[in-house]
Each structure stands twice: as C-alpha cells, then as structure tokens.
Protein backbone atom coordinates (compact mmCIF):
# COMPACT_ATOMS: atom_id res chain seq x y z
CA MET A 1 60.40 116.61 95.96
CA PRO A 2 63.85 117.74 94.79
CA MET A 3 66.31 114.95 94.15
CA SER A 4 69.04 114.63 96.73
CA GLN A 5 72.57 115.28 95.57
CA PRO A 6 74.84 112.23 95.43
CA THR A 7 77.41 112.00 98.18
CA ILE A 8 80.89 112.96 97.05
CA THR A 9 83.43 110.47 98.35
CA ASN A 10 87.20 110.50 98.46
CA ALA A 11 87.32 107.31 96.40
CA ALA A 12 85.09 108.68 93.65
CA LEU A 13 87.11 111.88 93.33
CA ALA A 14 90.40 110.00 93.44
CA ALA A 15 89.24 107.75 90.61
CA ARG A 16 88.22 110.72 88.49
CA ASP A 17 91.53 112.43 89.24
CA LEU A 18 93.67 109.44 88.32
CA SER A 19 91.88 109.09 85.00
CA VAL A 20 92.98 112.55 83.81
CA VAL A 21 95.56 114.26 86.08
CA TRP A 22 99.35 113.76 85.95
CA HIS A 23 100.65 114.90 89.35
CA PRO A 24 103.95 116.69 90.07
CA CYS A 25 106.98 115.00 91.59
CA THR A 26 105.15 111.68 91.61
CA GLN A 27 105.60 108.18 90.25
CA MET A 28 101.96 107.78 89.27
CA LYS A 29 102.11 103.98 89.57
CA ASP A 30 102.49 104.48 93.34
CA HIS A 31 98.84 105.44 93.46
CA GLU A 32 97.84 101.88 92.71
CA HIS A 33 98.44 101.35 96.42
CA LEU A 34 98.95 104.84 97.86
CA PRO A 35 95.71 106.77 98.51
CA MET A 36 95.08 110.03 96.70
CA ILE A 37 93.65 112.56 99.17
CA PRO A 38 90.99 114.90 97.73
CA ILE A 39 90.72 118.08 99.82
CA ARG A 40 87.39 119.85 100.33
CA ARG A 41 88.42 122.78 102.48
CA GLY A 42 91.18 124.23 104.59
CA GLU A 43 91.31 126.26 107.79
CA GLY A 44 94.39 127.32 109.71
CA VAL A 45 96.91 124.48 109.73
CA TRP A 46 94.27 121.92 108.79
CA LEU A 47 93.14 120.41 105.49
CA GLU A 48 89.89 118.43 105.37
CA ASP A 49 88.96 115.72 102.88
CA PHE A 50 85.49 114.92 101.51
CA GLU A 51 84.72 112.47 104.29
CA GLY A 52 85.53 114.85 107.13
CA LYS A 53 89.02 113.62 107.99
CA ARG A 54 91.45 116.44 108.80
CA TYR A 55 95.20 116.57 108.17
CA LEU A 56 97.63 118.87 109.97
CA ASP A 57 99.65 120.54 107.20
CA ALA A 58 103.14 120.11 108.68
CA ILE A 59 104.87 121.17 105.43
CA SER A 60 102.82 124.29 104.59
CA SER A 61 101.60 122.69 101.34
CA TRP A 62 105.10 122.59 99.84
CA TRP A 63 106.43 125.47 101.94
CA VAL A 64 104.11 128.17 100.62
CA ASN A 65 101.51 128.69 103.34
CA LEU A 66 102.56 131.16 106.03
CA PHE A 67 99.41 132.19 107.86
CA GLY A 68 97.04 129.28 107.48
CA HIS A 69 94.56 128.10 104.92
CA CYS A 70 91.67 130.45 104.17
CA ASN A 71 93.24 133.25 106.15
CA PRO A 72 90.49 135.86 106.69
CA ASP A 73 92.77 138.87 106.09
CA ILE A 74 94.11 137.58 102.78
CA ASN A 75 90.63 136.44 101.77
CA ALA A 76 89.22 139.93 102.39
CA ALA A 77 92.00 141.58 100.40
CA LEU A 78 91.34 139.31 97.43
CA VAL A 79 87.60 139.94 97.55
CA GLU A 80 88.26 143.68 97.48
CA GLN A 81 90.71 143.33 94.58
CA LEU A 82 88.23 141.19 92.62
CA GLY A 83 85.86 144.12 92.61
CA THR A 84 88.29 146.40 90.78
CA LEU A 85 90.83 144.52 88.65
CA GLU A 86 91.78 140.89 88.17
CA HIS A 87 94.66 141.32 85.70
CA THR A 88 96.22 143.54 83.11
CA LEU A 89 99.41 143.27 81.13
CA LEU A 90 102.41 144.93 82.75
CA ALA A 91 104.07 146.03 79.51
CA GLY A 92 103.19 149.69 79.04
CA PHE A 93 100.52 149.39 81.75
CA THR A 94 100.61 149.21 85.52
CA HIS A 95 98.24 149.06 88.48
CA PRO A 96 98.31 150.10 92.15
CA ALA A 97 98.85 146.62 93.61
CA ALA A 98 102.02 146.01 91.59
CA ILE A 99 103.41 149.45 92.38
CA GLU A 100 102.69 149.20 96.09
CA LEU A 101 104.08 145.67 96.31
CA ALA A 102 107.31 146.71 94.60
CA GLU A 103 107.63 149.66 96.99
CA ARG A 104 107.00 147.46 100.02
CA LEU A 105 109.48 144.80 98.93
CA VAL A 106 112.20 147.40 98.36
CA SER A 107 111.52 148.73 101.87
CA VAL A 108 111.78 145.37 103.67
CA THR A 109 114.55 143.57 101.76
CA PRO A 110 118.27 144.17 102.35
CA GLU A 111 119.61 147.61 101.50
CA GLY A 112 120.59 148.23 97.90
CA LEU A 113 117.84 146.18 96.24
CA GLU A 114 115.93 148.94 94.49
CA LYS A 115 114.28 147.47 91.39
CA VAL A 116 111.64 144.73 91.22
CA PHE A 117 110.99 142.43 88.26
CA PHE A 118 107.83 140.30 88.46
CA ALA A 119 107.52 136.68 87.32
CA ASP A 120 105.12 133.78 87.88
CA ASN A 121 106.85 131.22 90.11
CA GLY A 122 110.14 130.34 91.75
CA SER A 123 111.76 128.64 88.77
CA SER A 124 110.83 131.57 86.58
CA ALA A 125 112.45 133.97 89.05
CA ILE A 126 115.67 131.96 88.85
CA GLU A 127 115.57 132.09 85.05
CA VAL A 128 115.14 135.86 85.23
CA ALA A 129 118.10 136.30 87.57
CA LEU A 130 120.39 134.07 85.49
CA LYS A 131 119.49 135.81 82.24
CA MET A 132 119.66 139.26 83.80
CA SER A 133 123.12 138.61 85.25
CA PHE A 134 124.46 137.30 81.93
CA HIS A 135 122.83 140.13 79.99
CA TYR A 136 124.25 142.72 82.37
CA TRP A 137 127.80 141.60 81.65
CA LEU A 138 127.04 141.50 77.93
CA ASN A 139 125.78 145.08 78.08
CA ARG A 140 128.97 146.00 79.97
CA ASN A 141 131.12 144.56 77.15
CA LYS A 142 132.14 141.42 79.00
CA PRO A 143 130.75 138.69 76.70
CA GLY A 144 133.13 136.10 78.14
CA LYS A 145 131.14 135.94 81.36
CA THR A 146 128.77 133.07 80.58
CA LYS A 147 129.00 130.60 83.47
CA PHE A 148 127.55 130.22 86.97
CA ILE A 149 129.03 128.80 90.15
CA THR A 150 126.70 126.62 92.20
CA LEU A 151 126.87 124.59 95.39
CA GLU A 152 126.68 120.82 95.45
CA ASN A 153 123.32 119.57 96.80
CA SER A 154 121.61 122.80 95.73
CA TYR A 155 118.14 123.05 94.20
CA HIS A 156 116.78 126.07 92.36
CA GLY A 157 113.79 124.78 90.40
CA GLU A 158 112.93 122.59 87.45
CA THR A 159 112.96 124.71 84.33
CA LEU A 160 116.11 124.09 82.31
CA GLY A 161 118.15 127.05 83.53
CA ALA A 162 117.13 126.45 87.13
CA LEU A 163 117.91 122.74 86.82
CA ALA A 164 121.31 123.52 85.38
CA VAL A 165 122.37 125.52 88.44
CA GLY A 166 120.92 122.90 90.80
CA ASN A 167 122.80 119.80 91.89
CA VAL A 168 120.28 117.35 93.39
CA GLU A 169 120.82 114.39 91.08
CA LEU A 170 117.30 113.02 91.47
CA TYR A 171 115.88 116.05 89.69
CA ARG A 172 118.81 116.97 87.46
CA ASP A 173 120.50 113.94 85.99
CA THR A 174 117.76 112.78 83.62
CA TYR A 175 117.90 116.09 81.80
CA GLY A 176 121.68 116.47 81.90
CA PRO A 177 122.13 116.49 78.09
CA LEU A 178 119.84 119.53 77.87
CA LEU A 179 121.56 121.65 80.49
CA MET A 180 124.24 124.33 80.32
CA GLU A 181 127.58 123.66 81.96
CA THR A 182 128.10 125.08 85.44
CA ILE A 183 130.94 125.15 87.96
CA ARG A 184 130.16 123.18 91.13
CA VAL A 185 131.85 123.62 94.47
CA PRO A 186 131.35 121.56 97.66
CA SER A 187 128.51 122.68 99.90
CA PRO A 188 129.14 124.23 103.33
CA ASP A 189 126.58 121.69 104.61
CA CYS A 190 127.27 121.33 108.32
CA TYR A 191 126.12 117.70 108.38
CA LEU A 192 129.58 116.99 106.95
CA ARG A 193 131.55 118.67 109.77
CA GLU A 194 134.00 116.73 111.90
CA GLN A 195 133.03 115.58 115.38
CA GLY A 196 133.47 118.53 117.74
CA GLU A 197 133.77 121.04 114.90
CA SER A 198 131.35 123.96 115.06
CA CYS A 199 129.02 124.68 112.16
CA ALA A 200 130.63 128.09 111.73
CA ASP A 201 134.12 126.60 111.59
CA TYR A 202 133.08 124.01 109.04
CA SER A 203 131.28 126.55 106.84
CA ARG A 204 134.37 128.77 107.00
CA ARG A 205 136.60 125.82 106.10
CA ALA A 206 134.32 124.84 103.20
CA PHE A 207 134.59 128.35 101.77
CA VAL A 208 138.12 127.55 100.57
CA HIS A 209 136.57 125.67 97.63
CA MET A 210 134.50 128.69 96.62
CA GLU A 211 137.50 130.98 96.92
CA GLN A 212 139.52 128.70 94.65
CA ALA A 213 136.73 128.50 92.06
CA LEU A 214 136.35 132.27 91.97
CA GLU A 215 140.07 132.82 91.69
CA ARG A 216 140.29 130.36 88.80
CA HIS A 217 137.13 131.26 86.88
CA ALA A 218 136.13 134.85 87.74
CA ASP A 219 136.68 136.14 84.21
CA GLU A 220 134.15 133.65 82.81
CA VAL A 221 131.60 133.70 85.66
CA CYS A 222 128.45 135.84 85.72
CA ALA A 223 127.29 134.96 89.22
CA VAL A 224 127.35 132.62 92.18
CA ILE A 225 123.88 131.33 93.11
CA VAL A 226 123.06 129.98 96.59
CA GLU A 227 120.12 129.15 98.83
CA PRO A 228 120.97 131.15 101.96
CA LEU A 229 121.35 129.00 105.13
CA VAL A 230 119.15 126.02 104.12
CA GLN A 231 119.35 123.77 101.06
CA CYS A 232 115.71 122.83 101.33
CA ALA A 233 115.09 120.25 98.60
CA GLY A 234 118.61 118.98 99.28
CA SER A 235 117.37 117.17 102.40
CA MET A 236 117.09 120.35 104.47
CA ARG A 237 120.85 120.58 104.90
CA MET A 238 121.95 123.74 106.73
CA TYR A 239 125.01 125.97 107.03
CA ASP A 240 126.29 128.92 109.02
CA PRO A 241 125.75 132.61 108.04
CA VAL A 242 129.52 133.15 108.06
CA TYR A 243 129.63 131.50 104.64
CA LEU A 244 127.35 134.20 103.18
CA ASP A 245 129.51 136.93 104.68
CA LEU A 246 132.64 135.44 103.11
CA LEU A 247 130.82 134.92 99.81
CA ARG A 248 129.61 138.50 99.57
CA GLU A 249 133.14 139.83 100.12
CA ALA A 250 134.63 137.43 97.58
CA CYS A 251 132.02 138.19 94.90
CA ASP A 252 132.83 141.89 95.27
CA ARG A 253 136.55 141.21 95.09
CA TYR A 254 136.30 139.05 91.96
CA ASN A 255 133.63 141.19 90.25
CA VAL A 256 130.99 138.46 90.19
CA HIS A 257 127.28 138.78 91.00
CA LEU A 258 125.69 137.07 94.01
CA ILE A 259 122.22 135.58 93.47
CA ALA A 260 120.33 134.74 96.66
CA ASP A 261 117.56 132.20 96.08
CA GLU A 262 115.29 133.01 99.02
CA ILE A 263 112.27 131.38 97.38
CA ALA A 264 111.88 128.79 100.14
CA VAL A 265 113.74 130.47 103.01
CA GLY A 266 112.37 134.00 102.74
CA PHE A 267 109.53 135.58 104.72
CA GLY A 268 110.47 134.40 108.18
CA ARG A 269 111.32 130.74 107.65
CA THR A 270 114.84 131.03 109.05
CA GLY A 271 114.03 133.29 112.00
CA THR A 272 114.60 136.61 110.23
CA LEU A 273 112.42 138.05 107.49
CA PHE A 274 115.10 137.11 104.96
CA ALA A 275 117.93 134.66 105.54
CA CYS A 276 120.56 137.07 104.17
CA GLU A 277 119.90 139.33 107.16
CA GLN A 278 121.64 136.83 109.43
CA ALA A 279 124.92 137.58 107.64
CA ASP A 280 124.06 141.26 107.26
CA ILE A 281 124.62 141.09 103.51
CA SER A 282 122.78 142.29 100.43
CA PRO A 283 122.92 140.17 97.26
CA ASP A 284 122.91 141.54 93.74
CA PHE A 285 119.76 139.58 92.95
CA MET A 286 117.20 138.23 95.41
CA CYS A 287 114.61 135.75 94.16
CA LEU A 288 111.34 135.50 96.11
CA SER A 289 108.22 133.34 95.71
CA LYS A 290 106.40 130.65 97.75
CA GLY A 291 105.48 132.54 100.94
CA LEU A 292 105.29 135.83 99.03
CA THR A 293 101.50 135.48 98.62
CA GLY A 294 100.95 133.54 101.83
CA GLY A 295 100.38 130.38 99.79
CA TYR A 296 97.45 131.77 97.81
CA LEU A 297 98.54 132.48 94.25
CA PRO A 298 101.61 131.96 92.04
CA LEU A 299 103.85 135.00 92.00
CA SER A 300 107.58 135.63 92.15
CA THR A 301 109.89 138.61 92.08
CA VAL A 302 113.54 139.30 91.40
CA LEU A 303 114.95 142.29 93.24
CA THR A 304 118.17 143.86 92.01
CA ARG A 305 120.34 146.94 92.23
CA ALA A 306 119.83 150.23 90.41
CA SER A 307 123.32 149.85 88.92
CA ILE A 308 122.25 146.63 87.22
CA TYR A 309 119.01 148.21 85.98
CA GLU A 310 121.00 151.09 84.50
CA ALA A 311 123.01 148.72 82.29
CA PHE A 312 119.80 147.98 80.37
CA TYR A 313 118.56 151.60 80.28
CA GLN A 314 119.51 152.81 76.79
CA ASP A 315 117.97 154.15 73.58
CA TYR A 316 115.89 151.48 71.85
CA GLU A 317 118.35 151.24 68.96
CA LYS A 318 121.02 149.92 71.32
CA LEU A 319 118.98 146.68 71.69
CA SER A 320 119.96 146.40 75.33
CA ALA A 321 116.48 145.98 76.86
CA PHE A 322 115.66 142.93 79.00
CA LEU A 323 113.07 141.24 76.76
CA HIS A 324 111.81 138.65 79.22
CA SER A 325 108.10 138.39 79.94
CA HIS A 326 105.28 136.29 81.34
CA SER A 327 101.63 136.71 80.44
CA TYR A 328 100.63 136.96 84.09
CA THR A 329 103.52 139.21 85.16
CA GLY A 330 102.45 141.31 88.15
CA ASN A 331 98.97 139.77 88.30
CA ALA A 332 96.77 142.10 90.34
CA LEU A 333 95.17 139.38 92.47
CA ALA A 334 98.51 137.81 93.32
CA CYS A 335 100.04 141.21 94.15
CA ARG A 336 97.12 141.99 96.44
CA ALA A 337 97.55 138.65 98.24
CA ALA A 338 101.24 139.48 98.70
CA LEU A 339 100.39 142.89 100.12
CA ALA A 340 97.97 141.30 102.58
CA THR A 341 100.73 138.89 103.59
CA LEU A 342 103.14 141.76 104.23
CA ASP A 343 100.41 143.52 106.23
CA ILE A 344 100.21 140.52 108.54
CA PHE A 345 103.94 140.77 109.14
CA SER A 346 103.61 144.52 109.78
CA ASN A 347 100.61 144.32 112.10
CA ASN A 348 101.62 141.31 114.19
CA ASN A 349 104.69 140.13 116.09
CA VAL A 350 105.21 137.31 113.59
CA LEU A 351 108.96 136.84 113.93
CA GLU A 352 108.84 137.09 117.71
CA ASN A 353 106.02 134.55 117.85
CA ASN A 354 107.93 132.29 115.48
CA HIS A 355 110.91 132.31 117.82
CA ALA A 356 108.67 130.87 120.55
CA LEU A 357 107.22 128.27 118.18
CA ALA A 358 110.69 127.31 116.94
CA ALA A 359 111.86 126.89 120.53
CA HIS A 360 108.90 124.63 121.22
CA MET A 361 109.67 122.52 118.14
CA ALA A 362 113.24 122.18 119.39
CA SER A 363 112.08 121.09 122.83
CA ALA A 364 109.49 118.67 121.46
CA THR A 365 112.08 116.93 119.28
CA GLU A 366 114.99 116.93 121.75
CA ASP A 367 114.65 113.20 122.47
CA PHE A 368 115.24 112.38 118.80
CA ARG A 369 118.91 113.28 119.28
CA GLU A 370 119.41 110.06 121.23
CA HIS A 371 117.42 107.88 118.83
CA PRO A 372 119.54 104.98 117.53
CA HIS A 373 118.50 105.69 113.92
CA VAL A 374 118.73 109.50 113.94
CA ALA A 375 122.06 110.91 112.83
CA GLU A 376 121.15 114.54 113.36
CA VAL A 377 118.36 116.87 114.38
CA ARG A 378 119.00 120.27 112.78
CA GLN A 379 117.01 123.47 112.88
CA THR A 380 117.07 126.94 111.43
CA GLY A 381 114.13 129.00 112.63
CA MET A 382 110.84 127.40 111.61
CA ILE A 383 112.55 124.61 109.65
CA LEU A 384 113.46 121.46 111.58
CA ALA A 385 114.80 118.25 110.05
CA ILE A 386 115.47 114.75 111.39
CA GLU A 387 117.99 112.64 109.43
CA LEU A 388 117.27 108.91 109.59
CA VAL A 389 120.17 106.48 109.17
CA LYS A 390 120.69 102.74 109.24
CA ASP A 391 123.76 103.04 111.45
CA LYS A 392 124.14 106.03 113.77
CA PRO A 393 127.87 105.81 114.69
CA GLY A 394 128.92 105.50 111.06
CA ARG A 395 126.10 107.66 109.68
CA VAL A 396 125.35 104.92 107.17
CA PRO A 397 122.18 105.90 105.28
CA TYR A 398 119.33 103.61 104.47
CA ALA A 399 119.26 102.53 100.83
CA TRP A 400 116.99 104.90 98.94
CA GLN A 401 115.18 101.91 97.42
CA GLU A 402 113.84 100.97 100.87
CA ARG A 403 111.73 104.18 100.92
CA ARG A 404 111.71 104.49 104.70
CA GLY A 405 110.38 108.03 104.41
CA LEU A 406 107.34 106.76 102.52
CA GLU A 407 106.44 104.69 105.57
CA VAL A 408 106.48 107.87 107.67
CA TYR A 409 104.27 109.59 105.08
CA ARG A 410 101.74 106.73 105.17
CA HIS A 411 101.66 106.70 108.95
CA GLY A 412 101.14 110.45 108.98
CA LEU A 413 98.13 110.26 106.67
CA GLU A 414 96.63 107.46 108.74
CA ASN A 415 97.00 109.65 111.84
CA CYS A 416 95.88 113.00 110.43
CA VAL A 417 99.25 114.69 109.78
CA LEU A 418 100.64 115.61 106.37
CA LEU A 419 104.34 114.74 106.45
CA ARG A 420 106.24 114.44 103.18
CA PRO A 421 109.81 113.35 103.97
CA LEU A 422 112.67 114.10 101.60
CA GLY A 423 113.99 110.57 101.22
CA ASN A 424 115.10 109.57 104.71
CA VAL A 425 114.80 113.08 106.13
CA VAL A 426 111.64 113.87 108.07
CA TYR A 427 111.11 117.59 108.37
CA PHE A 428 108.68 120.14 109.78
CA MET A 429 107.96 123.46 108.07
CA PRO A 430 104.47 124.34 109.37
CA PRO A 431 102.41 127.50 108.89
CA TYR A 432 103.16 130.21 111.44
CA VAL A 433 99.68 129.96 112.93
CA ILE A 434 100.35 126.51 114.37
CA SER A 435 99.80 126.18 118.12
CA LYS A 436 102.14 124.49 120.59
CA ASP A 437 99.59 121.72 121.09
CA GLU A 438 99.49 121.18 117.33
CA ILE A 439 103.28 121.04 117.26
CA ASP A 440 103.12 118.33 119.91
CA THR A 441 100.62 116.39 117.78
CA MET A 442 102.80 116.78 114.68
CA VAL A 443 105.91 115.55 116.52
CA ARG A 444 104.12 112.66 118.23
CA VAL A 445 102.78 111.31 114.93
CA ALA A 446 106.19 111.73 113.29
CA ARG A 447 107.86 109.92 116.21
CA ASP A 448 105.51 106.97 115.90
CA GLY A 449 105.94 106.94 112.14
CA ILE A 450 109.71 106.93 112.44
CA GLN A 451 109.58 104.05 114.92
CA LYS A 452 107.51 102.11 112.42
CA ALA A 453 109.77 103.04 109.51
CA VAL A 454 113.06 101.99 111.14
CA ALA A 455 111.78 98.75 112.62
CA ASP A 456 113.67 95.87 110.96
C-alpha cells in the first residue's frame, strides 16, 4: 500500500518559515507570540490556511488585489501567455503584450501622457520618475534643477530615492544620512482642518505653503511629487481635489514638473479610474503599480509626455539617453495580467459597482462617528479609514507604544478577517469583488476588535 502523505499544518510551516525567511515591514521578534499564517489557497476575497480557516482579505493583500484571488479571467490570460512567451529583454526587443499594454494605458490615463516606461515595482517607478525629471532638465541645459518638493506625511516607497521624497518618519528616519535633501511643505491633510471648515477650504488654505515653496525654490526644483487625494501609508489621510488643480496650475507657472504617485490610488480605488481625474488634471509623470496586474505579478509603469521623451531623443554621441533598466522590464506574463485586468474594467461596470460598495461601507460604518474613541471616519471611494484616539474632544492620540492597532489585527485573525491597521488607524481597502454581506462581516469584526483595543 502507498504511504500516506504527512499532514501539513500551519504550525509546521510557520516553524520552517521562521527558520529561514525575513519578512517585510516586520519586527521578527513579534512572531514569538504572534502567529504566522501560512496560506494554502485563495478565492475571491478569501484566503485559506492549511487547516481550512478562511480570512476575509480586507486590505487586498497590501492594496494590490482588485478582482479577487485566483480570478478566472486573469488566470486564463496567464495560461495563454505561458504557452507563447514568459519573458524577453526589452532592450532592442519587444513583444505584443508590452506594446498592447502601453497602448491601453495611454488610452485610459489622463490626456497628454503618451510614452510608457516599464519597471518592476512601485518604488522602482518612483526612482524612474525622479531620475527622468532631473535628467530632462539636465538635457535642457538647466543643471541647477536638482531638488524635489514633497508633502509632509507622504510615502513613495522604500528604495533610497523613494524614501528621500517620502516623509513618514517610521520608514525614513533610520536611513536619513543616506538620503538626498528635499523640500518639505505641510500636507493638505483634511484631518487638520478647523471645526466647521470644509475639506476643500482647508486644502485650498494649505496650498499657500506649496505656493511659497515654489516661488522661493523654482529655479532649483525638478518636480513636485504627491500621492493624489490619499496619503495611504501616512495613515490614510485624505485631501480635496482642489489642491491638485491648484498644484497643476502652479507647476506650469513656475516651470516645474508634477509627479503623480498613483501606485496605491490608481485603478479605481478613489472612485475614478485614476485619482487625478477628480481634479481634471494631467501630471507630467504618472507612476502606476499595485493594482496594475490585479495583484498577480510585480510590474510598474511611468507614463510621461512626448515633450519629455523628446529631450532624450538625440544622436548617440550626445549621451542624452535614459540609461535606466531592470532585468524584468516589461515582463510578458506581468503585462498579460495587466491587460486582463484592464479587460475586466472594460467589460464590466466596475466603477459603478464600486460606488454602490463604497456607499455600503459608508453606511455600515456610520455609527463609528459617534464612538468615544474615534476622532474621524474618512472615505475616498473604496478606501475607508477609522482614526482611533485616546481622547475624542482633544483628538489626543494613543501612544504608539501601546500598539492598539495590533489588538485589532489579532482580533481580526481570530475572527477570520485580515485587518492590518496603520498604527491607530483601522482601514478597509477590499477587493472590488466583495459583497455587501462580506462588507458587513468585515465591519462587524473590526467594530468588535476596536472595542477590545480601546478598553482600558
């Protein structure tokens, strides 16, 4: 008789993992008491471990999954692509998936973005945009333009250039001695508005700081870089589209590029396909990743204007080419997954359906607004955040050392929902295939977890 296979358990896999794997964004010592969750399979909004327990993926596996795990349409596209080409270099070579994806992205992004540069991930896309902006000005005989203006509380990734233009201290400060100098201006974050002040009025008032920085430093600035509408890793803080409108006009007036980091907020997260649409603006560079492949494979793109491309288009002897590359640039499998993702947008009423789901999330969380330890419930499209505080009237935060959000995370895992708060901010950013009943489950578990976390 054949020998039976040993049962694979969560504990056995977790032990093997912890003996060899160093996990991202993690204090590994936490796993002496915090369970590691090995995942066997996924389907829709659910992840299943090796003992059959399922977890509702309320954060889209770090904001990447748009249309559910093991989506049949994306699966089929990848199977078809596997039969023809897995990868080829994109220097001197090309392939249909990369060409078609570039064409499709140009057609759906804001007007004026006509050239597509491929990279591997979000941080890499930011590096490309920063270097490309600087190099453009160099090629245009403006070598004094070497700096970037960034918003406080911004996050753009964790490679050195991306860290330098980010301002979330938790990620940035350790590596401060390695980073280039940037110019910071206060964020238009509407959490900071006065009582009775509208978000639009506050964002307009906050723009004064950006105007002053541009007026003072325009001759030495390559670009302003922002996350349109939502500073995601910065505790899901949000601002009004009027700020983007003012910023676009000012960048034009002061002859400075505008880089829109839509890595987290693109592809429907904010209610429109791209967040910049809500201000009816077009940036000079748009960085895309995360949802680009529906959460399947690493891929990013930087879209830019033909006028910027033309500054690099010279005889070889001019040494003006953009010599930036990644081994897996324009990977055929990743491009095909991205095309399948765009097909789902084209063939279904995704944004319209998302509006209904967003409205249901708003309704399901309405009671949080009166919670004695919730300072604010804020929402932009399919992103909803709940800010926990020690004292509501004074908006006094809990000390970060208390790790109240970790208590919510633990409770979520115990009750089959993957929540990963940002400090004391509990947020929902689920896949677009979530049902209203699943939203209710997600909110109920979060509510119970918050009650547990704020209990003295």
